[in-house]
Amino acid sequence: MIVMIVVSLLFLALLVVGLVYLIRYLGVSGAAVKSAAEDPLEIARKRYARGEITKEQYEELKKDLM
């Protein structure tokens, strides 16, 4: 009887610890994605460098973003 109570409490504790780790993992990964987002001006620079936009378009974007 006591063994079953101890095993049940250990299982419950493991379940709670697992949920805490899952929540922390999801929270950290969401923050990492947000912090990894590029600056809009950097995106415009890269698009200009790849030839996706003209110099005039780049200058206009740069003016709007600053």
Protein backbone atom coordinates (compact mmCIF):
# COMPACT_ATOMS: atom_id res chain seq x y z
CA MET A 1 0.00 0.00 0.00
CA ILE A 2 2.69 2.49 0.98
CA VAL A 3 4.77 1.45 -2.03
CA MET A 4 1.88 2.32 -4.35
CA ILE A 5 1.51 5.77 -2.75
CA VAL A 6 5.25 6.45 -3.11
CA VAL A 7 5.26 5.29 -6.74
CA SER A 8 2.20 7.44 -7.48
CA LEU A 9 3.82 10.50 -5.92
CA LEU A 10 7.04 9.92 -7.87
CA PHE A 11 5.05 9.59 -11.09
CA LEU A 12 3.15 12.80 -10.32
CA ALA A 13 6.41 14.62 -9.54
CA LEU A 14 7.96 13.44 -12.83
CA LEU A 15 4.87 14.56 -14.70
CA VAL A 16 5.03 18.05 -13.15
CA VAL A 17 8.78 18.34 -13.85
CA GLY A 18 8.19 17.26 -17.45
CA LEU A 19 5.47 19.87 -17.92
CA VAL A 20 7.70 22.59 -16.46
CA TYR A 21 10.53 21.68 -18.83
CA LEU A 22 8.14 21.63 -21.78
CA ILE A 23 6.74 25.06 -20.93
CA ARG A 24 10.21 26.52 -20.40
CA TYR A 25 11.46 24.99 -23.66
CA LEU A 26 8.57 26.42 -25.64
CA GLY A 27 8.97 29.81 -23.97
CA VAL A 28 12.71 29.96 -24.63
CA SER A 29 12.42 28.83 -28.23
CA GLY A 30 9.77 31.49 -28.89
CA ALA A 31 12.01 34.17 -27.45
CA ALA A 32 14.94 32.92 -29.50
CA VAL A 33 12.93 33.20 -32.67
CA LYS A 34 11.89 36.74 -31.85
CA SER A 35 15.41 37.84 -31.02
CA ALA A 36 16.74 36.27 -34.20
CA ALA A 37 14.44 38.42 -36.37
CA GLU A 38 16.40 40.67 -38.70
CA ASP A 39 16.34 44.43 -38.71
CA PRO A 40 14.12 45.75 -41.57
CA LEU A 41 16.97 47.90 -42.88
CA GLU A 42 19.23 44.84 -43.02
CA ILE A 43 16.57 43.01 -45.03
CA ALA A 44 16.42 45.94 -47.46
CA ARG A 45 20.23 45.90 -47.78
CA LYS A 46 20.22 42.21 -48.58
CA ARG A 47 17.42 42.60 -51.13
CA TYR A 48 19.35 45.42 -52.81
CA ALA A 49 22.54 43.34 -52.79
CA ARG A 50 20.70 40.43 -54.44
CA GLY A 51 19.27 42.75 -57.08
CA GLU A 52 15.66 42.27 -55.97
CA ILE A 53 15.12 46.02 -55.68
CA THR A 54 16.60 49.02 -57.47
CA LYS A 55 18.80 51.67 -55.88
CA GLU A 56 15.88 54.09 -55.88
CA GLN A 57 13.67 51.57 -54.11
CA TYR A 58 16.41 50.87 -51.59
CA GLU A 59 16.92 54.58 -50.91
CA GLU A 60 13.17 55.05 -50.45
CA LEU A 61 12.98 52.13 -48.03
CA LYS A 62 16.02 53.43 -46.17
CA LYS A 63 14.44 56.86 -45.86
CA ASP A 64 11.17 55.38 -44.63
CA LEU A 65 12.85 53.10 -42.09
CA MET A 66 15.12 55.70 -40.54
